[in-house]
Amino acid sequence: MVDVKTCIDSSQEKMDMAIMYLEESLAHIRAGKASPRLLDGIRVDSYGSMVPLSNVAAINTPDARSIVIKPWDKGMFRPIEKAIIDSDLGIMPENNGEMIRIGIPPLTEERRKQLAKQCKAEGETAKVSVRNARRDGIDALKKAVKDGLAEDEQKNAEAKLQKIHDKYIKQIDEMLAEKDKEIMTV
């Protein structure tokens, strides 16, 4: 027989994963401020294998408008520049022989709207994941009724699952509102 607590915990774990995915996605969306996390998704060809940029260089943000990358190996300048240019950052790196500097330009109004739209799309993906987790939990509870679970216990579990679902949806909305505010602040 299916345990109600296990079913709810499983659904809640899936919802947690959706929130973590959203946090990660929103961290990669540039909001006009320099952050080393902008470069997290960039992989560099290092001696024949693709490795994260942070594995081949030190990444710092000396001020709010620039990121400085200091490769540990002088031979890595070209591959790092190529990886940054090929990425979807849309920013041209400057190389002075000692370090690579990336200037973060201020966002235009059009770009801000684009980024806000991108955030909403990421948020909708997370909401769909949360809803799917709730649906899977409810389906498991309905199967459990066939296996001998009391119907009122199932209804109580469904209500609990709905409350958890509502809490996560509210959390997603708050995260999106915060990121939207960050993007739209000039």
N, C-alpha and C. Protein backbone atom coordinates (compact mmCIF):
# COMPACT_ATOMS: atom_id res chain seq x y z
N MET A 1 0.83 -1.20 0.00
CA MET A 1 0.00 0.00 0.00
C MET A 1 0.87 1.26 0.00
N VAL A 2 0.44 2.28 -0.70
CA VAL A 2 1.19 3.53 -0.82
C VAL A 2 1.06 4.33 0.48
N ASP A 3 2.18 4.83 0.98
CA ASP A 3 2.18 5.66 2.18
C ASP A 3 1.89 7.11 1.77
N VAL A 4 0.92 7.75 2.43
CA VAL A 4 0.52 9.12 2.08
C VAL A 4 1.69 10.08 2.24
N LYS A 5 2.41 9.95 3.35
CA LYS A 5 3.54 10.86 3.63
C LYS A 5 4.62 10.73 2.55
N THR A 6 4.92 9.52 2.14
CA THR A 6 5.91 9.29 1.10
C THR A 6 5.49 9.95 -0.21
N CYS A 7 4.22 9.82 -0.52
CA CYS A 7 3.66 10.39 -1.75
C CYS A 7 3.80 11.92 -1.72
N ILE A 8 3.42 12.53 -0.61
CA ILE A 8 3.50 14.00 -0.49
C ILE A 8 4.96 14.46 -0.51
N ASP A 9 5.82 13.74 0.21
CA ASP A 9 7.25 14.10 0.24
C ASP A 9 7.87 14.01 -1.15
N SER A 10 7.49 13.00 -1.91
CA SER A 10 7.99 12.84 -3.26
C SER A 10 7.59 14.03 -4.14
N SER A 11 6.32 14.43 -4.03
CA SER A 11 5.84 15.57 -4.81
C SER A 11 6.55 16.85 -4.39
N GLN A 12 6.74 17.00 -3.08
CA GLN A 12 7.39 18.21 -2.57
C GLN A 12 8.84 18.27 -3.04
N GLU A 13 9.49 17.13 -3.11
CA GLU A 13 10.88 17.09 -3.59
C GLU A 13 10.96 17.54 -5.05
N LYS A 14 10.00 17.10 -5.86
CA LYS A 14 9.96 17.52 -7.26
C LYS A 14 9.74 19.03 -7.36
N MET A 15 8.89 19.57 -6.48
CA MET A 15 8.63 21.01 -6.47
C MET A 15 9.89 21.78 -6.05
N ASP A 16 10.64 21.23 -5.09
CA ASP A 16 11.91 21.85 -4.67
C ASP A 16 12.88 21.91 -5.85
N MET A 17 12.91 20.84 -6.63
CA MET A 17 13.80 20.80 -7.80
C MET A 17 13.42 21.89 -8.81
N ALA A 18 12.12 22.13 -8.97
CA ALA A 18 11.65 23.17 -9.90
C ALA A 18 12.12 24.54 -9.41
N ILE A 19 12.06 24.78 -8.09
CA ILE A 19 12.50 26.06 -7.53
C ILE A 19 14.01 26.22 -7.72
N MET A 20 14.77 25.16 -7.48
CA MET A 20 16.23 25.23 -7.65
C MET A 20 16.59 25.52 -9.11
N TYR A 21 15.87 24.88 -10.04
CA TYR A 21 16.09 25.12 -11.46
C TYR A 21 15.83 26.58 -11.79
N LEU A 22 14.73 27.13 -11.25
CA LEU A 22 14.38 28.52 -11.53
C LEU A 22 15.44 29.47 -10.97
N GLU A 23 15.91 29.21 -9.74
CA GLU A 23 16.95 30.06 -9.14
C GLU A 23 18.19 30.08 -10.04
N GLU A 24 18.57 28.91 -10.52
CA GLU A 24 19.75 28.80 -11.38
C GLU A 24 19.53 29.55 -12.69
N SER A 25 18.36 29.38 -13.29
CA SER A 25 18.04 30.05 -14.56
C SER A 25 18.05 31.57 -14.40
N LEU A 26 17.44 32.06 -13.33
CA LEU A 26 17.37 33.50 -13.12
C LEU A 26 18.75 34.09 -12.83
N ALA A 27 19.63 33.30 -12.21
CA ALA A 27 20.97 33.80 -11.91
C ALA A 27 21.77 34.06 -13.18
N HIS A 28 21.45 33.32 -14.24
CA HIS A 28 22.18 33.48 -15.50
C HIS A 28 21.63 34.60 -16.37
N ILE A 29 20.51 35.17 -15.98
CA ILE A 29 19.94 36.27 -16.77
C ILE A 29 20.55 37.57 -16.29
N ARG A 30 21.18 38.27 -17.21
CA ARG A 30 21.92 39.49 -16.89
C ARG A 30 20.97 40.63 -16.58
N ALA A 31 21.19 41.25 -15.41
CA ALA A 31 20.29 42.35 -15.02
C ALA A 31 21.04 43.68 -14.99
N GLY A 32 22.06 43.83 -15.81
CA GLY A 32 22.77 45.11 -15.88
C GLY A 32 23.93 45.22 -14.92
N LYS A 33 24.02 44.29 -13.95
CA LYS A 33 25.13 44.30 -13.00
C LYS A 33 26.07 43.16 -13.33
N ALA A 34 27.36 43.39 -13.11
CA ALA A 34 28.35 42.35 -13.35
C ALA A 34 28.26 41.30 -12.24
N SER A 35 28.31 40.05 -12.62
CA SER A 35 28.30 38.95 -11.66
C SER A 35 29.08 37.78 -12.26
N PRO A 36 29.97 37.16 -11.48
CA PRO A 36 30.70 36.01 -12.00
C PRO A 36 29.77 34.87 -12.44
N ARG A 37 28.56 34.81 -11.89
CA ARG A 37 27.61 33.75 -12.25
C ARG A 37 27.16 33.85 -13.70
N LEU A 38 27.30 35.03 -14.32
CA LEU A 38 26.94 35.17 -15.73
C LEU A 38 27.76 34.22 -16.60
N LEU A 39 28.97 33.90 -16.13
CA LEU A 39 29.89 33.08 -16.92
C LEU A 39 29.83 31.60 -16.56
N ASP A 40 28.93 31.22 -15.63
CA ASP A 40 28.86 29.83 -15.17
C ASP A 40 28.61 28.83 -16.29
N GLY A 41 27.80 29.19 -17.26
CA GLY A 41 27.45 28.24 -18.31
C GLY A 41 28.48 28.13 -19.42
N ILE A 42 29.51 28.98 -19.39
CA ILE A 42 30.50 29.00 -20.48
C ILE A 42 31.54 27.90 -20.26
N ARG A 43 31.73 27.09 -21.32
CA ARG A 43 32.72 26.02 -21.26
C ARG A 43 33.84 26.34 -22.25
N VAL A 44 35.07 26.02 -21.83
CA VAL A 44 36.26 26.37 -22.60
C VAL A 44 36.98 25.09 -23.02
N ASP A 45 37.52 25.10 -24.24
CA ASP A 45 38.30 23.97 -24.72
C ASP A 45 39.68 24.03 -24.10
N SER A 46 39.94 23.14 -23.15
CA SER A 46 41.23 23.12 -22.45
C SER A 46 41.90 21.78 -22.69
N TYR A 47 42.94 21.80 -23.51
CA TYR A 47 43.70 20.59 -23.81
C TYR A 47 42.80 19.44 -24.27
N GLY A 48 41.86 19.76 -25.15
CA GLY A 48 41.04 18.74 -25.77
C GLY A 48 39.75 18.39 -25.06
N SER A 49 39.50 18.97 -23.87
CA SER A 49 38.22 18.68 -23.21
C SER A 49 37.53 19.99 -22.83
N MET A 50 36.22 19.94 -22.82
CA MET A 50 35.44 21.14 -22.49
C MET A 50 35.26 21.22 -20.98
N VAL A 51 35.76 22.32 -20.39
CA VAL A 51 35.68 22.50 -18.93
C VAL A 51 35.04 23.86 -18.63
N PRO A 52 34.44 24.00 -17.44
CA PRO A 52 33.87 25.31 -17.08
C PRO A 52 34.97 26.37 -17.03
N LEU A 53 34.61 27.60 -17.37
CA LEU A 53 35.55 28.72 -17.39
C LEU A 53 36.25 28.88 -16.04
N SER A 54 35.53 28.66 -14.96
CA SER A 54 36.11 28.84 -13.62
C SER A 54 37.22 27.82 -13.32
N ASN A 55 37.33 26.74 -14.12
CA ASN A 55 38.39 25.75 -13.91
C ASN A 55 39.72 26.17 -14.53
N VAL A 56 39.71 27.17 -15.43
CA VAL A 56 40.95 27.56 -16.11
C VAL A 56 41.35 29.00 -15.82
N ALA A 57 40.53 29.72 -15.02
CA ALA A 57 40.83 31.13 -14.77
C ALA A 57 40.17 31.61 -13.48
N ALA A 58 40.75 32.70 -12.94
CA ALA A 58 40.14 33.36 -11.79
C ALA A 58 39.18 34.42 -12.32
N ILE A 59 37.97 34.47 -11.76
CA ILE A 59 36.95 35.41 -12.22
C ILE A 59 36.61 36.36 -11.08
N ASN A 60 36.73 37.67 -11.34
CA ASN A 60 36.43 38.68 -10.32
C ASN A 60 35.55 39.77 -10.91
N THR A 61 34.89 40.52 -10.03
CA THR A 61 34.13 41.70 -10.45
C THR A 61 34.67 42.89 -9.67
N PRO A 62 35.61 43.65 -10.27
CA PRO A 62 36.19 44.79 -9.57
C PRO A 62 35.18 45.93 -9.33
N ASP A 63 34.17 46.03 -10.19
CA ASP A 63 33.12 47.04 -9.99
C ASP A 63 31.82 46.50 -10.58
N ALA A 64 30.75 47.28 -10.49
CA ALA A 64 29.42 46.81 -10.91
C ALA A 64 29.28 46.68 -12.42
N ARG A 65 30.22 47.21 -13.19
CA ARG A 65 30.08 47.22 -14.65
C ARG A 65 31.10 46.36 -15.39
N SER A 66 31.96 45.62 -14.66
CA SER A 66 32.94 44.81 -15.39
C SER A 66 33.28 43.52 -14.66
N ILE A 67 33.70 42.55 -15.46
CA ILE A 67 34.16 41.25 -14.97
C ILE A 67 35.58 41.08 -15.48
N VAL A 68 36.48 40.65 -14.60
CA VAL A 68 37.88 40.43 -14.99
C VAL A 68 38.18 38.94 -14.89
N ILE A 69 38.77 38.40 -15.96
CA ILE A 69 39.13 36.99 -16.02
C ILE A 69 40.64 36.90 -16.16
N LYS A 70 41.30 36.22 -15.21
CA LYS A 70 42.75 36.03 -15.27
C LYS A 70 43.05 34.55 -15.47
N PRO A 71 43.37 34.16 -16.71
CA PRO A 71 43.68 32.75 -16.97
C PRO A 71 44.96 32.32 -16.23
N TRP A 72 44.97 31.09 -15.75
CA TRP A 72 46.14 30.59 -15.05
C TRP A 72 47.23 30.19 -16.03
N ASP A 73 46.83 29.90 -17.26
CA ASP A 73 47.78 29.51 -18.30
C ASP A 73 47.67 30.53 -19.44
N LYS A 74 48.81 31.11 -19.83
CA LYS A 74 48.79 32.15 -20.88
C LYS A 74 48.22 31.64 -22.20
N GLY A 75 48.30 30.35 -22.43
CA GLY A 75 47.80 29.77 -23.68
C GLY A 75 46.28 29.69 -23.74
N MET A 76 45.63 30.04 -22.65
CA MET A 76 44.17 29.92 -22.60
C MET A 76 43.43 31.18 -23.03
N PHE A 77 44.16 32.29 -23.32
CA PHE A 77 43.50 33.54 -23.69
C PHE A 77 42.57 33.37 -24.89
N ARG A 78 43.09 32.78 -25.98
CA ARG A 78 42.29 32.62 -27.20
C ARG A 78 41.05 31.75 -26.96
N PRO A 79 41.22 30.53 -26.37
CA PRO A 79 40.02 29.70 -26.16
C PRO A 79 38.97 30.37 -25.26
N ILE A 80 39.42 31.11 -24.24
CA ILE A 80 38.47 31.79 -23.35
C ILE A 80 37.72 32.87 -24.12
N GLU A 81 38.46 33.68 -24.89
CA GLU A 81 37.80 34.73 -25.69
C GLU A 81 36.80 34.11 -26.66
N LYS A 82 37.21 33.03 -27.34
CA LYS A 82 36.33 32.38 -28.31
C LYS A 82 35.07 31.87 -27.62
N ALA A 83 35.21 31.27 -26.45
CA ALA A 83 34.05 30.73 -25.72
C ALA A 83 33.09 31.85 -25.32
N ILE A 84 33.63 32.99 -24.90
CA ILE A 84 32.78 34.12 -24.50
C ILE A 84 32.05 34.70 -25.72
N ILE A 85 32.77 34.84 -26.83
CA ILE A 85 32.16 35.38 -28.05
C ILE A 85 31.07 34.43 -28.56
N ASP A 86 31.33 33.11 -28.50
CA ASP A 86 30.36 32.12 -28.99
C ASP A 86 29.16 31.95 -28.06
N SER A 87 29.28 32.40 -26.81
CA SER A 87 28.18 32.23 -25.86
C SER A 87 27.04 33.20 -26.19
N ASP A 88 25.92 33.05 -25.48
CA ASP A 88 24.77 33.93 -25.74
C ASP A 88 24.79 35.19 -24.87
N LEU A 89 25.95 35.52 -24.31
CA LEU A 89 26.07 36.74 -23.49
C LEU A 89 25.88 38.00 -24.34
N GLY A 90 26.43 37.95 -25.54
CA GLY A 90 26.30 39.11 -26.43
C GLY A 90 27.23 40.25 -26.04
N ILE A 91 28.37 39.92 -25.43
CA ILE A 91 29.33 40.94 -24.99
C ILE A 91 30.70 40.57 -25.56
N MET A 92 31.42 41.59 -26.02
CA MET A 92 32.75 41.39 -26.59
C MET A 92 33.81 41.52 -25.50
N PRO A 93 34.66 40.50 -25.32
CA PRO A 93 35.72 40.59 -24.32
C PRO A 93 36.91 41.43 -24.82
N GLU A 94 37.62 42.08 -23.89
CA GLU A 94 38.82 42.84 -24.24
C GLU A 94 40.02 42.15 -23.59
N ASN A 95 41.05 41.89 -24.40
CA ASN A 95 42.23 41.19 -23.90
C ASN A 95 43.42 42.15 -23.91
N ASN A 96 44.08 42.34 -22.75
CA ASN A 96 45.25 43.21 -22.73
C ASN A 96 46.55 42.42 -22.50
N GLY A 97 46.52 41.10 -22.65
CA GLY A 97 47.71 40.28 -22.48
C GLY A 97 47.88 39.77 -21.06
N GLU A 98 47.36 40.46 -20.09
CA GLU A 98 47.44 40.06 -18.68
C GLU A 98 46.12 39.45 -18.22
N MET A 99 45.02 40.04 -18.68
CA MET A 99 43.71 39.57 -18.27
C MET A 99 42.69 39.90 -19.35
N ILE A 100 41.52 39.27 -19.23
CA ILE A 100 40.42 39.53 -20.15
C ILE A 100 39.38 40.32 -19.36
N ARG A 101 38.98 41.45 -19.90
CA ARG A 101 37.98 42.28 -19.23
C ARG A 101 36.69 42.25 -20.04
N ILE A 102 35.59 42.07 -19.34
CA ILE A 102 34.28 42.10 -20.00
C ILE A 102 33.52 43.28 -19.40
N GLY A 103 33.24 44.26 -20.24
CA GLY A 103 32.46 45.42 -19.80
C GLY A 103 30.98 45.12 -19.95
N ILE A 104 30.23 45.29 -18.87
CA ILE A 104 28.79 45.04 -18.91
C ILE A 104 28.09 46.35 -19.26
N PRO A 105 27.58 46.45 -20.49
CA PRO A 105 26.92 47.71 -20.89
C PRO A 105 25.58 47.86 -20.18
N PRO A 106 25.14 49.10 -19.99
CA PRO A 106 23.81 49.29 -19.40
C PRO A 106 22.75 48.75 -20.37
N LEU A 107 21.69 48.23 -19.81
CA LEU A 107 20.65 47.62 -20.65
C LEU A 107 19.76 48.68 -21.29
N THR A 108 19.41 48.44 -22.54
CA THR A 108 18.46 49.33 -23.21
C THR A 108 17.05 48.93 -22.77
N GLU A 109 16.09 49.79 -23.00
CA GLU A 109 14.70 49.51 -22.60
C GLU A 109 14.19 48.25 -23.30
N GLU A 110 14.53 48.13 -24.59
CA GLU A 110 14.09 46.97 -25.37
C GLU A 110 14.69 45.68 -24.81
N ARG A 111 15.98 45.73 -24.46
CA ARG A 111 16.66 44.55 -23.91
C ARG A 111 16.07 44.18 -22.54
N ARG A 112 15.73 45.20 -21.75
CA ARG A 112 15.11 44.95 -20.44
C ARG A 112 13.80 44.19 -20.62
N LYS A 113 13.00 44.62 -21.59
CA LYS A 113 11.72 43.95 -21.84
C LYS A 113 11.94 42.51 -22.30
N GLN A 114 12.97 42.32 -23.15
CA GLN A 114 13.31 40.98 -23.62
C GLN A 114 13.68 40.08 -22.44
N LEU A 115 14.53 40.61 -21.53
CA LEU A 115 14.97 39.83 -20.38
C LEU A 115 13.80 39.54 -19.44
N ALA A 116 12.90 40.50 -19.27
CA ALA A 116 11.73 40.29 -18.42
C ALA A 116 10.86 39.16 -19.00
N LYS A 117 10.72 39.16 -20.33
CA LYS A 117 9.94 38.13 -21.01
C LYS A 117 10.61 36.75 -20.82
N GLN A 118 11.94 36.74 -20.90
CA GLN A 118 12.70 35.50 -20.71
C GLN A 118 12.50 34.98 -19.28
N CYS A 119 12.50 35.88 -18.30
CA CYS A 119 12.27 35.50 -16.90
C CYS A 119 10.88 34.89 -16.73
N LYS A 120 9.89 35.52 -17.35
CA LYS A 120 8.51 35.01 -17.25
C LYS A 120 8.43 33.60 -17.84
N ALA A 121 9.12 33.38 -18.96
CA ALA A 121 9.11 32.06 -19.59
C ALA A 121 9.75 31.01 -18.66
N GLU A 122 10.86 31.38 -18.02
CA GLU A 122 11.52 30.46 -17.08
C GLU A 122 10.58 30.17 -15.91
N GLY A 123 9.90 31.22 -15.44
CA GLY A 123 8.97 31.07 -14.33
C GLY A 123 7.81 30.15 -14.69
N GLU A 124 7.33 30.29 -15.91
CA GLU A 124 6.21 29.45 -16.36
C GLU A 124 6.65 27.99 -16.44
N THR A 125 7.88 27.75 -16.89
CA THR A 125 8.41 26.39 -16.93
C THR A 125 8.44 25.79 -15.53
N ALA A 126 8.89 26.58 -14.55
CA ALA A 126 8.95 26.11 -13.17
C ALA A 126 7.54 25.84 -12.64
N LYS A 127 6.58 26.71 -12.97
CA LYS A 127 5.20 26.51 -12.51
C LYS A 127 4.62 25.23 -13.08
N VAL A 128 4.92 24.96 -14.35
CA VAL A 128 4.43 23.74 -14.99
C VAL A 128 5.01 22.52 -14.28
N SER A 129 6.29 22.60 -13.90
CA SER A 129 6.93 21.49 -13.18
C SER A 129 6.25 21.26 -11.83
N VAL A 130 5.93 22.36 -11.13
CA VAL A 130 5.26 22.25 -9.83
C VAL A 130 3.87 21.63 -10.02
N ARG A 131 3.15 22.08 -11.04
CA ARG A 131 1.81 21.53 -11.30
C ARG A 131 1.88 20.04 -11.65
N ASN A 132 2.90 19.68 -12.44
CA ASN A 132 3.07 18.26 -12.80
C ASN A 132 3.35 17.42 -11.56
N ALA A 133 4.16 17.95 -10.65
CA ALA A 133 4.48 17.22 -9.42
C ALA A 133 3.20 17.01 -8.60
N ARG A 134 2.34 18.05 -8.54
CA ARG A 134 1.07 17.93 -7.82
C ARG A 134 0.18 16.87 -8.49
N ARG A 135 0.10 16.94 -9.82
CA ARG A 135 -0.73 15.98 -10.56
C ARG A 135 -0.25 14.54 -10.32
N ASP A 136 1.08 14.34 -10.37
CA ASP A 136 1.63 13.00 -10.14
C ASP A 136 1.29 12.51 -8.74
N GLY A 137 1.36 13.42 -7.76
CA GLY A 137 1.02 13.06 -6.38
C GLY A 137 -0.43 12.67 -6.25
N ILE A 138 -1.31 13.45 -6.89
CA ILE A 138 -2.75 13.15 -6.83
C ILE A 138 -3.05 11.82 -7.53
N ASP A 139 -2.38 11.57 -8.66
CA ASP A 139 -2.57 10.29 -9.36
C ASP A 139 -2.14 9.12 -8.48
N ALA A 140 -1.01 9.29 -7.79
CA ALA A 140 -0.52 8.22 -6.90
C ALA A 140 -1.51 7.98 -5.77
N LEU A 141 -2.11 9.06 -5.25
CA LEU A 141 -3.10 8.92 -4.17
C LEU A 141 -4.36 8.20 -4.67
N LYS A 142 -4.77 8.51 -5.91
CA LYS A 142 -5.96 7.86 -6.46
C LYS A 142 -5.72 6.36 -6.66
N LYS A 143 -4.49 6.01 -7.06
CA LYS A 143 -4.14 4.60 -7.21
C LYS A 143 -4.14 3.92 -5.84
N ALA A 144 -3.69 4.68 -4.83
CA ALA A 144 -3.62 4.12 -3.47
C ALA A 144 -5.02 3.80 -2.95
N VAL A 145 -6.04 4.57 -3.35
CA VAL A 145 -7.42 4.30 -2.93
C VAL A 145 -7.85 2.93 -3.46
N LYS A 146 -7.45 2.63 -4.69
CA LYS A 146 -7.77 1.32 -5.27
C LYS A 146 -7.06 0.20 -4.51
N ASP A 147 -5.89 0.54 -3.92
CA ASP A 147 -5.13 -0.46 -3.17
C ASP A 147 -5.53 -0.52 -1.70
N GLY A 148 -6.57 0.21 -1.32
CA GLY A 148 -7.06 0.09 0.05
C GLY A 148 -6.91 1.32 0.93
N LEU A 149 -6.48 2.44 0.41
CA LEU A 149 -6.36 3.66 1.22
C LEU A 149 -7.76 4.24 1.42
N ALA A 150 -8.03 4.75 2.61
CA ALA A 150 -9.35 5.32 2.90
C ALA A 150 -9.54 6.59 2.06
N GLU A 151 -10.79 6.79 1.56
CA GLU A 151 -11.04 7.93 0.68
C GLU A 151 -10.88 9.26 1.39
N ASP A 152 -11.31 9.36 2.66
CA ASP A 152 -11.16 10.63 3.36
C ASP A 152 -9.69 10.94 3.63
N GLU A 153 -8.88 9.90 3.80
CA GLU A 153 -7.43 10.10 3.96
C GLU A 153 -6.84 10.64 2.65
N GLN A 154 -7.34 10.12 1.54
CA GLN A 154 -6.89 10.58 0.23
C GLN A 154 -7.27 12.04 0.02
N LYS A 155 -8.51 12.40 0.38
CA LYS A 155 -8.97 13.79 0.22
C LYS A 155 -8.13 14.74 1.08
N ASN A 156 -7.83 14.33 2.32
CA ASN A 156 -6.99 15.16 3.20
C ASN A 156 -5.59 15.33 2.60
N ALA A 157 -5.04 14.25 2.06
CA ALA A 157 -3.71 14.31 1.45
C ALA A 157 -3.72 15.21 0.22
N GLU A 158 -4.81 15.14 -0.57
CA GLU A 158 -4.91 16.01 -1.75
C GLU A 158 -4.97 17.47 -1.34
N ALA A 159 -5.72 17.76 -0.26
CA ALA A 159 -5.81 19.14 0.23
C ALA A 159 -4.43 19.63 0.69
N LYS A 160 -3.72 18.76 1.37
CA LYS A 160 -2.36 19.11 1.85
C LYS A 160 -1.44 19.37 0.65
N LEU A 161 -1.55 18.50 -0.35
CA LEU A 161 -0.75 18.66 -1.57
C LEU A 161 -1.07 19.97 -2.26
N GLN A 162 -2.35 20.35 -2.28
CA GLN A 162 -2.76 21.61 -2.90
C GLN A 162 -2.17 22.79 -2.14
N LYS A 163 -2.15 22.73 -0.81
CA LYS A 163 -1.57 23.82 -0.01
C LYS A 163 -0.08 23.97 -0.31
N ILE A 164 0.62 22.83 -0.41
CA ILE A 164 2.06 22.85 -0.72
C ILE A 164 2.25 23.46 -2.11
N HIS A 165 1.43 23.02 -3.07
CA HIS A 165 1.48 23.54 -4.44
C HIS A 165 1.32 25.06 -4.44
N ASP A 166 0.30 25.56 -3.71
CA ASP A 166 0.04 27.00 -3.67
C ASP A 166 1.23 27.76 -3.09
N LYS A 167 1.87 27.18 -2.08
CA LYS A 167 3.04 27.81 -1.45
C LYS A 167 4.18 27.95 -2.47
N TYR A 168 4.41 26.90 -3.24
CA TYR A 168 5.49 26.94 -4.23
C TYR A 168 5.19 27.91 -5.38
N ILE A 169 3.94 27.94 -5.83
CA ILE A 169 3.56 28.86 -6.90
C ILE A 169 3.77 30.30 -6.42
N LYS A 170 3.39 30.57 -5.17
CA LYS A 170 3.57 31.91 -4.60
C LYS A 170 5.06 32.26 -4.54
N GLN A 171 5.88 31.28 -4.15
CA GLN A 171 7.34 31.50 -4.08
C GLN A 171 7.90 31.83 -5.46
N ILE A 172 7.43 31.13 -6.49
CA ILE A 172 7.88 31.39 -7.86
C ILE A 172 7.49 32.80 -8.28
N ASP A 173 6.25 33.19 -7.98
CA ASP A 173 5.79 34.54 -8.32
C ASP A 173 6.64 35.60 -7.64
N GLU A 174 7.01 35.37 -6.37
CA GLU A 174 7.84 36.33 -5.63
C GLU A 174 9.23 36.43 -6.26
N MET A 175 9.80 35.26 -6.63
CA MET A 175 11.13 35.26 -7.26
C MET A 175 11.09 36.04 -8.58
N LEU A 176 10.03 35.84 -9.36
CA LEU A 176 9.91 36.52 -10.65
C LEU A 176 9.74 38.03 -10.45
N ALA A 177 8.94 38.41 -9.46
CA ALA A 177 8.72 39.84 -9.19
C ALA A 177 10.03 40.50 -8.79
N GLU A 178 10.81 39.81 -7.97
CA GLU A 178 12.11 40.34 -7.52
C GLU A 178 13.07 40.51 -8.70
N LYS A 179 13.14 39.50 -9.56
CA LYS A 179 14.04 39.57 -10.71
C LYS A 179 13.57 40.63 -11.70
N ASP A 180 12.26 40.74 -11.89
CA ASP A 180 11.68 41.74 -12.79
C ASP A 180 12.06 43.14 -12.29
N LYS A 181 11.93 43.34 -11.00
CA LYS A 181 12.27 44.64 -10.40
C LYS A 181 13.76 44.95 -10.62
N GLU A 182 14.61 43.91 -10.43
CA GLU A 182 16.05 44.07 -10.63
C GLU A 182 16.37 44.45 -12.08
N ILE A 183 15.68 43.81 -13.03
CA ILE A 183 15.91 44.08 -14.45
C ILE A 183 15.44 45.48 -14.84
N MET A 184 14.27 45.84 -14.36
CA MET A 184 13.66 47.12 -14.77
C MET A 184 14.25 48.33 -14.06
N THR A 185 15.05 48.11 -12.99
CA THR A 185 15.69 49.24 -12.29
C THR A 185 16.84 49.74 -13.14
N VAL A 186 16.81 51.02 -13.48
CA VAL A 186 17.85 51.59 -14.34
C VAL A 186 19.03 52.02 -13.48
